[in-house]
Every structure is written in C-alpha cells, then in structure tokens.
Amino acid sequence: MVSSISHDLRTPLNGLMILLRCLESSPTFAKDLSDKFIRPSLHCADYLLNLINDILDYTQVNFHEELRVVYEPVNLRRICDEVIELLTMKAKIKGIELLQ
C-alpha cells in the first residue's frame, strides 16, 4: 500500500520537476526569476523525491528485502547555501529578516 502511494506521488512530482527544469533552462525566462523561484522550487521538489524514495526503501526493509546503503560525497557548502536560500525565501514571505 505505501509503495503504491509513493509511486503515485513520484509521477506528478517528476512532471513538475521536468517543467521547472525547462523553465530554468529557457533563454527567455529571466535569470533573476529563475534564481529566486525556480531553483529553490527544484531543490524542494528534489528533497521531496528523496523522501519518497526513502519511504520506498523503508517499505522494502519491512518486507525483508535487501537494503543497500550508498555512501556519496557531498558538497556541504552547496547544501548550506541551498538551505539559507530556502529559509530566506520563507522569511521574506513572512515579512521577517533572516540574519546570516
């Protein structure tokens, strides 16, 4: 049941991510708008997709299937910049200043 719901969530999410990537790469779309809205939206969608994939992995473990752990290098600076960018957007919506 959970895996079915997770798969159903991935389909529209992938469609949304494709649309956002098309906008981001469009030469007619303003770069400042892309940096302000499209890129953070892509990060959020990617994060949500990773959560859905984690749910699928968890259901596999519960059904006694093998769980693979994959270690990957990460760019911590990039991750921190993305978090600050998302929090800054949220702060602006709430009309507060985010101090860094």
PDB file of N, CA and C in Angstrom:
ATOM      1  N   MET A   1       0.810  -1.193   0.000  1.00  0.00           N
ATOM      2  CA  MET A   1       0.000   0.000   0.000  1.00  0.00           C
ATOM      3  C   MET A   1       0.860   1.266   0.000  1.00  0.00           C
ATOM      4  N   VAL A   2       1.822   1.351   0.916  1.00  0.00           N
ATOM      5  CA  VAL A   2       2.687   2.529   0.988  1.00  0.00           C
ATOM      6  C   VAL A   2       3.490   2.687  -0.290  1.00  0.00           C
ATOM      7  N   SER A   3       3.990   1.574  -0.816  1.00  0.00           N
ATOM      8  CA  SER A   3       4.793   1.674  -2.038  1.00  0.00           C
ATOM      9  C   SER A   3       3.949   2.132  -3.216  1.00  0.00           C
ATOM     10  N   SER A   4       2.686   1.732  -3.253  1.00  0.00           N
ATOM     11  CA  SER A   4       1.787   2.173  -4.326  1.00  0.00           C
ATOM     12  C   SER A   4       1.550   3.677  -4.239  1.00  0.00           C
ATOM     13  N   ILE A   5       1.302   4.177  -3.021  1.00  0.00           N
ATOM     14  CA  ILE A   5       1.094   5.609  -2.834  1.00  0.00           C
ATOM     15  C   ILE A   5       2.360   6.379  -3.191  1.00  0.00           C
ATOM     16  N   SER A   6       3.514   5.852  -2.785  1.00  0.00           N
ATOM     17  CA  SER A   6       4.779   6.512  -3.080  1.00  0.00           C
ATOM     18  C   SER A   6       5.006   6.611  -4.577  1.00  0.00           C
ATOM     19  N   HIS A   7       4.698   5.537  -5.296  1.00  0.00           N
ATOM     20  CA  HIS A   7       4.854   5.572  -6.756  1.00  0.00           C
ATOM     21  C   HIS A   7       3.890   6.581  -7.377  1.00  0.00           C
ATOM     22  N   ASP A   8       2.662   6.657  -6.834  1.00  0.00           N
ATOM     23  CA  ASP A   8       1.689   7.613  -7.348  1.00  0.00           C
ATOM     24  C   ASP A   8       2.126   9.059  -7.096  1.00  0.00           C
ATOM     25  N   LEU A   9       2.864   9.292  -6.024  1.00  0.00           N
ATOM     26  CA  LEU A   9       3.373  10.636  -5.745  1.00  0.00           C
ATOM     27  C   LEU A   9       4.536  11.006  -6.664  1.00  0.00           C
ATOM     28  N   ARG A  10       5.327  10.027  -7.032  1.00  0.00           N
ATOM     29  CA  ARG A  10       6.512  10.306  -7.843  1.00  0.00           C
ATOM     30  C   ARG A  10       6.160  10.779  -9.245  1.00  0.00           C
ATOM     31  N   THR A  11       5.094  10.251  -9.819  1.00  0.00           N
ATOM     32  CA  THR A  11       4.747  10.598 -11.206  1.00  0.00           C
ATOM     33  C   THR A  11       4.456  12.087 -11.378  1.00  0.00           C
ATOM     34  N   PRO A  12       3.534  12.683 -10.607  1.00  0.00           N
ATOM     35  CA  PRO A  12       3.311  14.126 -10.799  1.00  0.00           C
ATOM     36  C   PRO A  12       4.508  14.969 -10.358  1.00  0.00           C
ATOM     37  N   LEU A  13       5.235  14.497  -9.361  1.00  0.00           N
ATOM     38  CA  LEU A  13       6.409  15.232  -8.905  1.00  0.00           C
ATOM     39  C   LEU A  13       7.471  15.273 -10.003  1.00  0.00           C
ATOM     40  N   ASN A  14       7.692  14.157 -10.660  1.00  0.00           N
ATOM     41  CA  ASN A  14       8.651  14.141 -11.774  1.00  0.00           C
ATOM     42  C   ASN A  14       8.196  15.060 -12.905  1.00  0.00           C
ATOM     43  N   GLY A  15       6.888  15.095 -13.173  1.00  0.00           N
ATOM     44  CA  GLY A  15       6.364  16.008 -14.193  1.00  0.00           C
ATOM     45  C   GLY A  15       6.616  17.458 -13.826  1.00  0.00           C
ATOM     46  N   LEU A  16       6.402  17.787 -12.560  1.00  0.00           N
ATOM     47  CA  LEU A  16       6.661  19.143 -12.078  1.00  0.00           C
ATOM     48  C   LEU A  16       8.140  19.499 -12.202  1.00  0.00           C
ATOM     49  N   MET A  17       9.012  18.557 -11.859  1.00  0.00           N
ATOM     50  CA  MET A  17      10.454  18.813 -11.941  1.00  0.00           C
ATOM     51  C   MET A  17      10.895  19.032 -13.384  1.00  0.00           C
ATOM     52  N   ILE A  18      10.313  18.294 -14.317  1.00  0.00           N
ATOM     53  CA  ILE A  18      10.639  18.476 -15.740  1.00  0.00           C
ATOM     54  C   ILE A  18      10.235  19.882 -16.183  1.00  0.00           C
ATOM     55  N   LEU A  19       9.038  20.311 -15.797  1.00  0.00           N
ATOM     56  CA  LEU A  19       8.572  21.648 -16.152  1.00  0.00           C
ATOM     57  C   LEU A  19       9.480  22.723 -15.567  1.00  0.00           C
ATOM     58  N   LEU A  20       9.863  22.570 -14.300  1.00  0.00           N
ATOM     59  CA  LEU A  20      10.743  23.547 -13.658  1.00  0.00           C
ATOM     60  C   LEU A  20      12.109  23.588 -14.341  1.00  0.00           C
ATOM     61  N   ARG A  21      12.640  22.434 -14.716  1.00  0.00           N
ATOM     62  CA  ARG A  21      13.937  22.407 -15.410  1.00  0.00           C
ATOM     63  C   ARG A  21      13.851  23.066 -16.775  1.00  0.00           C
ATOM     64  N   CYS A  22      12.714  22.884 -17.458  1.00  0.00           N
ATOM     65  CA  CYS A  22      12.520  23.548 -18.757  1.00  0.00           C
ATOM     66  C   CYS A  22      12.504  25.066 -18.577  1.00  0.00           C
ATOM     67  N   LEU A  23      11.795  25.531 -17.561  1.00  0.00           N
ATOM     68  CA  LEU A  23      11.770  26.970 -17.293  1.00  0.00           C
ATOM     69  C   LEU A  23      13.155  27.488 -16.941  1.00  0.00           C
ATOM     70  N   GLU A  24      13.865  26.732 -16.098  1.00  0.00           N
ATOM     71  CA  GLU A  24      15.195  27.152 -15.660  1.00  0.00           C
ATOM     72  C   GLU A  24      16.165  27.287 -16.838  1.00  0.00           C
ATOM     73  N   SER A  25      16.041  26.398 -17.805  1.00  0.00           N
ATOM     74  CA  SER A  25      16.982  26.412 -18.926  1.00  0.00           C
ATOM     75  C   SER A  25      16.491  27.253 -20.101  1.00  0.00           C
ATOM     76  N   SER A  26      15.293  27.810 -20.002  1.00  0.00           N
ATOM     77  CA  SER A  26      14.742  28.608 -21.085  1.00  0.00           C
ATOM     78  C   SER A  26      15.491  29.937 -21.202  1.00  0.00           C
ATOM     79  N   PRO A  27      15.952  30.267 -22.408  1.00  0.00           N
ATOM     80  CA  PRO A  27      16.667  31.536 -22.582  1.00  0.00           C
ATOM     81  C   PRO A  27      15.752  32.753 -22.450  1.00  0.00           C
ATOM     82  N   THR A  28      14.444  32.553 -22.578  1.00  0.00           N
ATOM     83  CA  THR A  28      13.520  33.680 -22.480  1.00  0.00           C
ATOM     84  C   THR A  28      13.040  33.934 -21.057  1.00  0.00           C
ATOM     85  N   PHE A  29      13.321  33.024 -20.153  1.00  0.00           N
ATOM     86  CA  PHE A  29      12.914  33.195 -18.763  1.00  0.00           C
ATOM     87  C   PHE A  29      13.993  33.983 -18.033  1.00  0.00           C
ATOM     88  N   ALA A  30      13.611  35.018 -17.334  1.00  0.00           N
ATOM     89  CA  ALA A  30      14.561  35.906 -16.657  1.00  0.00           C
ATOM     90  C   ALA A  30      15.388  35.142 -15.624  1.00  0.00           C
ATOM     91  N   LYS A  31      16.703  35.346 -15.682  1.00  0.00           N
ATOM     92  CA  LYS A  31      17.610  34.632 -14.781  1.00  0.00           C
ATOM     93  C   LYS A  31      17.341  34.968 -13.322  1.00  0.00           C
ATOM     94  N   ASP A  32      17.048  36.221 -13.030  1.00  0.00           N
ATOM     95  CA  ASP A  32      16.804  36.585 -11.629  1.00  0.00           C
ATOM     96  C   ASP A  32      15.549  35.892 -11.082  1.00  0.00           C
ATOM     97  N   LEU A  33      14.530  35.718 -11.928  1.00  0.00           N
ATOM     98  CA  LEU A  33      13.343  34.984 -11.508  1.00  0.00           C
ATOM     99  C   LEU A  33      13.651  33.500 -11.323  1.00  0.00           C
ATOM    100  N   SER A  34      14.490  32.990 -12.209  1.00  0.00           N
ATOM    101  CA  SER A  34      14.895  31.592 -12.099  1.00  0.00           C
ATOM    102  C   SER A  34      15.661  31.359 -10.809  1.00  0.00           C
ATOM    103  N   ASP A  35      16.599  32.245 -10.509  1.00  0.00           N
ATOM    104  CA  ASP A  35      17.390  32.109  -9.279  1.00  0.00           C
ATOM    105  C   ASP A  35      16.521  32.263  -8.032  1.00  0.00           C
ATOM    106  N   LYS A  36      15.514  33.132  -8.131  1.00  0.00           N
ATOM    107  CA  LYS A  36      14.676  33.427  -6.971  1.00  0.00           C
ATOM    108  C   LYS A  36      13.617  32.360  -6.714  1.00  0.00           C
ATOM    109  N   PHE A  37      13.046  31.817  -7.792  1.00  0.00           N
ATOM    110  CA  PHE A  37      11.893  30.934  -7.629  1.00  0.00           C
ATOM    111  C   PHE A  37      12.085  29.516  -8.166  1.00  0.00           C
ATOM    112  N   ILE A  38      12.636  29.399  -9.361  1.00  0.00           N
ATOM    113  CA  ILE A  38      12.714  28.088  -9.997  1.00  0.00           C
ATOM    114  C   ILE A  38      13.724  27.193  -9.296  1.00  0.00           C
ATOM    115  N   ARG A  39      14.921  27.698  -9.086  1.00  0.00           N
ATOM    116  CA  ARG A  39      15.964  26.880  -8.455  1.00  0.00           C
ATOM    117  C   ARG A  39      15.559  26.411  -7.058  1.00  0.00           C
ATOM    118  N   PRO A  40      15.035  27.304  -6.190  1.00  0.00           N
ATOM    119  CA  PRO A  40      14.584  26.812  -4.882  1.00  0.00           C
ATOM    120  C   PRO A  40      13.439  25.791  -4.992  1.00  0.00           C
ATOM    121  N   SER A  41      12.549  26.000  -5.961  1.00  0.00           N
ATOM    122  CA  SER A  41      11.462  25.039  -6.154  1.00  0.00           C
ATOM    123  C   SER A  41      12.003  23.680  -6.579  1.00  0.00           C
ATOM    124  N   LEU A  42      13.014  23.688  -7.427  1.00  0.00           N
ATOM    125  CA  LEU A  42      13.650  22.432  -7.836  1.00  0.00           C
ATOM    126  C   LEU A  42      14.316  21.736  -6.648  1.00  0.00           C
ATOM    127  N   HIS A  43      14.949  22.505  -5.781  1.00  0.00           N
ATOM    128  CA  HIS A  43      15.574  21.912  -4.601  1.00  0.00           C
ATOM    129  C   HIS A  43      14.524  21.267  -3.701  1.00  0.00           C
ATOM    130  N   CYS A  44      13.408  21.950  -3.527  1.00  0.00           N
ATOM    131  CA  CYS A  44      12.331  21.404  -2.697  1.00  0.00           C
ATOM    132  C   CYS A  44      11.748  20.137  -3.320  1.00  0.00           C
ATOM    133  N   ALA A  45      11.527  20.175  -4.615  1.00  0.00           N
ATOM    134  CA  ALA A  45      10.983  19.004  -5.300  1.00  0.00           C
ATOM    135  C   ALA A  45      11.957  17.835  -5.231  1.00  0.00           C
ATOM    136  N   ASP A  46      13.237  18.120  -5.378  1.00  0.00           N
ATOM    137  CA  ASP A  46      14.249  17.075  -5.295  1.00  0.00           C
ATOM    138  C   ASP A  46      14.290  16.477  -3.888  1.00  0.00           C
ATOM    139  N   TYR A  47      14.173  17.334  -2.886  1.00  0.00           N
ATOM    140  CA  TYR A  47      14.154  16.871  -1.497  1.00  0.00           C
ATOM    141  C   TYR A  47      12.941  15.969  -1.261  1.00  0.00           C
ATOM    142  N   LEU A  48      11.789  16.383  -1.772  1.00  0.00           N
ATOM    143  CA  LEU A  48      10.576  15.585  -1.623  1.00  0.00           C
ATOM    144  C   LEU A  48      10.713  14.241  -2.335  1.00  0.00           C
ATOM    145  N   LEU A  49      11.303  14.249  -3.513  1.00  0.00           N
ATOM    146  CA  LEU A  49      11.528  12.995  -4.234  1.00  0.00           C
ATOM    147  C   LEU A  49      12.448  12.062  -3.457  1.00  0.00           C
ATOM    148  N   ASN A  50      13.470  12.621  -2.826  1.00  0.00           N
ATOM    149  CA  ASN A  50      14.352  11.794  -1.990  1.00  0.00           C
ATOM    150  C   ASN A  50      13.601  11.211  -0.803  1.00  0.00           C
ATOM    151  N   LEU A  51      12.709  11.987  -0.197  1.00  0.00           N
ATOM    152  CA  LEU A  51      11.900  11.467   0.907  1.00  0.00           C
ATOM    153  C   LEU A  51      11.004  10.312   0.445  1.00  0.00           C
ATOM    154  N   ILE A  52      10.403  10.479  -0.709  1.00  0.00           N
ATOM    155  CA  ILE A  52       9.549   9.417  -1.255  1.00  0.00           C
ATOM    156  C   ILE A  52      10.379   8.166  -1.518  1.00  0.00           C
ATOM    157  N   ASN A  53      11.558   8.345  -2.079  1.00  0.00           N
ATOM    158  CA  ASN A  53      12.440   7.191  -2.315  1.00  0.00           C
ATOM    159  C   ASN A  53      12.839   6.524  -1.004  1.00  0.00           C
ATOM    160  N   ASP A  54      13.053   7.325   0.042  1.00  0.00           N
ATOM    161  CA  ASP A  54      13.368   6.764   1.353  1.00  0.00           C
ATOM    162  C   ASP A  54      12.206   5.932   1.888  1.00  0.00           C
ATOM    163  N   ILE A  55      10.989   6.405   1.661  1.00  0.00           N
ATOM    164  CA  ILE A  55       9.807   5.647   2.091  1.00  0.00           C
ATOM    165  C   ILE A  55       9.760   4.305   1.365  1.00  0.00           C
ATOM    166  N   LEU A  56      10.047   4.339   0.069  1.00  0.00           N
ATOM    167  CA  LEU A  56      10.072   3.084  -0.695  1.00  0.00           C
ATOM    168  C   LEU A  56      11.143   2.136  -0.161  1.00  0.00           C
ATOM    169  N   ASP A  57      12.307   2.679   0.159  1.00  0.00           N
ATOM    170  CA  ASP A  57      13.375   1.846   0.733  1.00  0.00           C
ATOM    171  C   ASP A  57      12.943   1.257   2.061  1.00  0.00           C
ATOM    172  N   TYR A  58      12.274   2.055   2.874  1.00  0.00           N
ATOM    173  CA  TYR A  58      11.821   1.594   4.188  1.00  0.00           C
ATOM    174  C   TYR A  58      10.817   0.452   4.044  1.00  0.00           C
ATOM    175  N   THR A  59       9.892   0.579   3.078  1.00  0.00           N
ATOM    176  CA  THR A  59       8.912  -0.492   2.886  1.00  0.00           C
ATOM    177  C   THR A  59       9.587  -1.768   2.408  1.00  0.00           C
ATOM    178  N   GLN A  60      10.662  -1.650   1.626  1.00  0.00           N
ATOM    179  CA  GLN A  60      11.396  -2.838   1.192  1.00  0.00           C
ATOM    180  C   GLN A  60      12.039  -3.536   2.377  1.00  0.00           C
ATOM    181  N   VAL A  61      12.573  -2.763   3.315  1.00  0.00           N
ATOM    182  CA  VAL A  61      13.183  -3.348   4.502  1.00  0.00           C
ATOM    183  C   VAL A  61      12.120  -4.096   5.309  1.00  0.00           C
ATOM    184  N   ASN A  62      10.936  -3.521   5.412  1.00  0.00           N
ATOM    185  CA  ASN A  62       9.865  -4.166   6.165  1.00  0.00           C
ATOM    186  C   ASN A  62       9.393  -5.462   5.511  1.00  0.00           C
ATOM    187  N   PHE A  63       9.577  -5.582   4.232  1.00  0.00           N
ATOM    188  CA  PHE A  63       9.216  -6.812   3.533  1.00  0.00           C
ATOM    189  C   PHE A  63      10.412  -7.737   3.389  1.00  0.00           C
ATOM    190  N   HIS A  64      11.409  -7.535   4.225  1.00  0.00           N
ATOM    191  CA  HIS A  64      12.599  -8.387   4.310  1.00  0.00           C
ATOM    192  C   HIS A  64      13.412  -8.428   3.018  1.00  0.00           C
ATOM    193  N   GLU A  65      13.330  -7.376   2.269  1.00  0.00           N
ATOM    194  CA  GLU A  65      14.185  -7.280   1.092  1.00  0.00           C
ATOM    195  C   GLU A  65      15.482  -6.591   1.496  1.00  0.00           C
ATOM    196  N   GLU A  66      16.456  -6.714   0.671  1.00  0.00           N
ATOM    197  CA  GLU A  66      17.773  -6.156   0.971  1.00  0.00           C
ATOM    198  C   GLU A  66      17.764  -4.638   0.844  1.00  0.00           C
ATOM    199  N   LEU A  67      18.362  -3.986   1.802  1.00  0.00           N
ATOM    200  CA  LEU A  67      18.514  -2.536   1.768  1.00  0.00           C
ATOM    201  C   LEU A  67      19.974  -2.223   1.490  1.00  0.00           C
ATOM    202  N   ARG A  68      20.215  -1.433   0.471  1.00  0.00           N
ATOM    203  CA  ARG A  68      21.583  -1.043   0.136  1.00  0.00           C
ATOM    204  C   ARG A  68      21.860   0.331   0.708  1.00  0.00           C
ATOM    205  N   VAL A  69      22.999   0.463   1.312  1.00  0.00           N
ATOM    206  CA  VAL A  69      23.445   1.770   1.808  1.00  0.00           C
ATOM    207  C   VAL A  69      24.499   2.273   0.832  1.00  0.00           C
ATOM    208  N   VAL A  70      24.276   3.463   0.317  1.00  0.00           N
ATOM    209  CA  VAL A  70      25.193   4.044  -0.650  1.00  0.00           C
ATOM    210  C   VAL A  70      25.800   5.300  -0.037  1.00  0.00           C
ATOM    211  N   TYR A  71      27.103   5.316   0.041  1.00  0.00           N
ATOM    212  CA  TYR A  71      27.810   6.487   0.545  1.00  0.00           C
ATOM    213  C   TYR A  71      28.252   7.327  -0.636  1.00  0.00           C
ATOM    214  N   GLU A  72      27.917   8.607  -0.571  1.00  0.00           N
ATOM    215  CA  GLU A  72      28.287   9.516  -1.651  1.00  0.00           C
ATOM    216  C   GLU A  72      28.924  10.767  -1.054  1.00  0.00           C
ATOM    217  N   PRO A  73      29.909  11.308  -1.731  1.00  0.00           N
ATOM    218  CA  PRO A  73      30.471  12.576  -1.243  1.00  0.00           C
ATOM    219  C   PRO A  73      29.444  13.692  -1.447  1.00  0.00           C
ATOM    220  N   VAL A  74      29.444  14.643  -0.545  1.00  0.00           N
ATOM    221  CA  VAL A  74      28.523  15.775  -0.658  1.00  0.00           C
ATOM    222  C   VAL A  74      29.296  17.079  -0.575  1.00  0.00           C
ATOM    223  N   ASN A  75      28.733  18.088  -1.180  1.00  0.00           N
ATOM    224  CA  ASN A  75      29.299  19.426  -1.106  1.00  0.00           C
ATOM    225  C   ASN A  75      28.539  20.165  -0.004  1.00  0.00           C
ATOM    226  N   LEU A  76      29.096  20.154   1.193  1.00  0.00           N
ATOM    227  CA  LEU A  76      28.425  20.730   2.346  1.00  0.00           C
ATOM    228  C   LEU A  76      28.156  22.223   2.163  1.00  0.00           C
ATOM    229  N   ARG A  77      29.068  22.932   1.541  1.00  0.00           N
ATOM    230  CA  ARG A  77      28.885  24.366   1.304  1.00  0.00           C
ATOM    231  C   ARG A  77      27.649  24.611   0.435  1.00  0.00           C
ATOM    232  N   ARG A  78      27.498  23.810  -0.622  1.00  0.00           N
ATOM    233  CA  ARG A  78      26.355  23.949  -1.531  1.00  0.00           C
ATOM    234  C   ARG A  78      25.050  23.656  -0.785  1.00  0.00           C
ATOM    235  N   ILE A  79      25.062  22.633   0.049  1.00  0.00           N
ATOM    236  CA  ILE A  79      23.867  22.278   0.809  1.00  0.00           C
ATOM    237  C   ILE A  79      23.486  23.413   1.762  1.00  0.00           C
ATOM    238  N   CYS A  80      24.470  23.968   2.444  1.00  0.00           N
ATOM    239  CA  CYS A  80      24.210  25.094   3.360  1.00  0.00           C
ATOM    240  C   CYS A  80      23.670  26.298   2.597  1.00  0.00           C
ATOM    241  N   ASP A  81      24.233  26.591   1.431  1.00  0.00           N
ATOM    242  CA  ASP A  81      23.753  27.712   0.623  1.00  0.00           C
ATOM    243  C   ASP A  81      22.293  27.494   0.199  1.00  0.00           C
ATOM    244  N   GLU A  82      21.950  26.256  -0.150  1.00  0.00           N
ATOM    245  CA  GLU A  82      20.581  25.944  -0.557  1.00  0.00           C
ATOM    246  C   GLU A  82      19.618  26.116   0.616  1.00  0.00           C
ATOM    247  N   VAL A  83      20.021  25.677   1.787  1.00  0.00           N
ATOM    248  CA  VAL A  83      19.175  25.821   2.973  1.00  0.00           C
ATOM    249  C   VAL A  83      18.964  27.303   3.291  1.00  0.00           C
ATOM    250  N   ILE A  84      20.029  28.080   3.239  1.00  0.00           N
ATOM    251  CA  ILE A  84      19.921  29.522   3.502  1.00  0.00           C
ATOM    252  C   ILE A  84      19.007  30.179   2.469  1.00  0.00           C
ATOM    253  N   GLU A  85      19.132  29.780   1.222  1.00  0.00           N
ATOM    254  CA  GLU A  85      18.301  30.334   0.156  1.00  0.00           C
ATOM    255  C   GLU A  85      16.819  30.041   0.421  1.00  0.00           C
ATOM    256  N   LEU A  86      16.509  28.810   0.797  1.00  0.00           N
ATOM    257  CA  LEU A  86      15.122  28.440   1.072  1.00  0.00           C
ATOM    258  C   LEU A  86      14.583  29.163   2.308  1.00  0.00           C
ATOM    259  N   LEU A  87      15.401  29.260   3.340  1.00  0.00           N
ATOM    260  CA  LEU A  87      14.966  29.961   4.549  1.00  0.00           C
ATOM    261  C   LEU A  87      14.782  31.453   4.296  1.00  0.00           C
ATOM    262  N   THR A  88      15.622  32.030   3.444  1.00  0.00           N
ATOM    263  CA  THR A  88      15.490  33.443   3.090  1.00  0.00           C
ATOM    264  C   THR A  88      14.170  33.692   2.384  1.00  0.00           C
ATOM    265  N   MET A  89      13.805  32.806   1.459  1.00  0.00           N
ATOM    266  CA  MET A  89      12.521  32.932   0.766  1.00  0.00           C
ATOM    267  C   MET A  89      11.363  32.849   1.752  1.00  0.00           C
ATOM    268  N   LYS A  90      11.445  31.898   2.663  1.00  0.00           N
ATOM    269  CA  LYS A  90      10.379  31.724   3.651  1.00  0.00           C
ATOM    270  C   LYS A  90      10.287  32.951   4.565  1.00  0.00           C
ATOM    271  N   ALA A  91      11.434  33.502   4.938  1.00  0.00           N
ATOM    272  CA  ALA A  91      11.449  34.691   5.782  1.00  0.00           C
ATOM    273  C   ALA A  91      10.814  35.882   5.062  1.00  0.00           C
ATOM    274  N   LYS A  92      11.126  36.051   3.779  1.00  0.00           N
ATOM    275  CA  LYS A  92      10.549  37.152   3.006  1.00  0.00           C
ATOM    276  C   LYS A  92       9.021  37.044   2.937  1.00  0.00           C
ATOM    277  N   ILE A  93       8.534  35.818   2.758  1.00  0.00           N
ATOM    278  CA  ILE A  93       7.093  35.606   2.701  1.00  0.00           C
ATOM    279  C   ILE A  93       6.441  36.014   4.015  1.00  0.00           C
ATOM    280  N   LYS A  94       7.121  35.742   5.127  1.00  0.00           N
ATOM    281  CA  LYS A  94       6.582  36.080   6.439  1.00  0.00           C
ATOM    282  C   LYS A  94       6.889  37.522   6.840  1.00  0.00           C
ATOM    283  N   GLY A  95       7.656  38.222   6.003  1.00  0.00           N
ATOM    284  CA  GLY A  95       7.983  39.621   6.270  1.00  0.00           C
ATOM    285  C   GLY A  95       8.987  39.809   7.385  1.00  0.00           C
ATOM    286  N   ILE A  96       9.872  38.841   7.545  1.00  0.00           N
ATOM    287  CA  ILE A  96      10.911  38.960   8.566  1.00  0.00           C
ATOM    288  C   ILE A  96      12.279  38.921   7.893  1.00  0.00           C
ATOM    289  N   GLU A  97      13.273  39.402   8.614  1.00  0.00           N
ATOM    290  CA  GLU A  97      14.636  39.430   8.087  1.00  0.00           C
ATOM    291  C   GLU A  97      15.401  38.217   8.603  1.00  0.00           C
ATOM    292  N   LEU A  98      16.097  37.553   7.719  1.00  0.00           N
ATOM    293  CA  LEU A  98      16.931  36.421   8.107  1.00  0.00           C
ATOM    294  C   LEU A  98      18.372  36.913   8.211  1.00  0.00           C
ATOM    295  N   LEU A  99      18.931  36.837   9.385  1.00  0.00           N
ATOM    296  CA  LEU A  99      20.305  37.250   9.597  1.00  0.00           C
ATOM    297  C   LEU A  99      21.231  36.051   9.392  1.00  0.00           C
ATOM    298  N   GLN A 100      22.300  36.292   8.656  1.00  0.00           N
ATOM    299  CA  GLN A 100      23.243  35.199   8.375  1.00  0.00           C
ATOM    300  C   GLN A 100      24.522  35.392   9.135  1.00  0.00           C
TER     301      GLN A 100
END
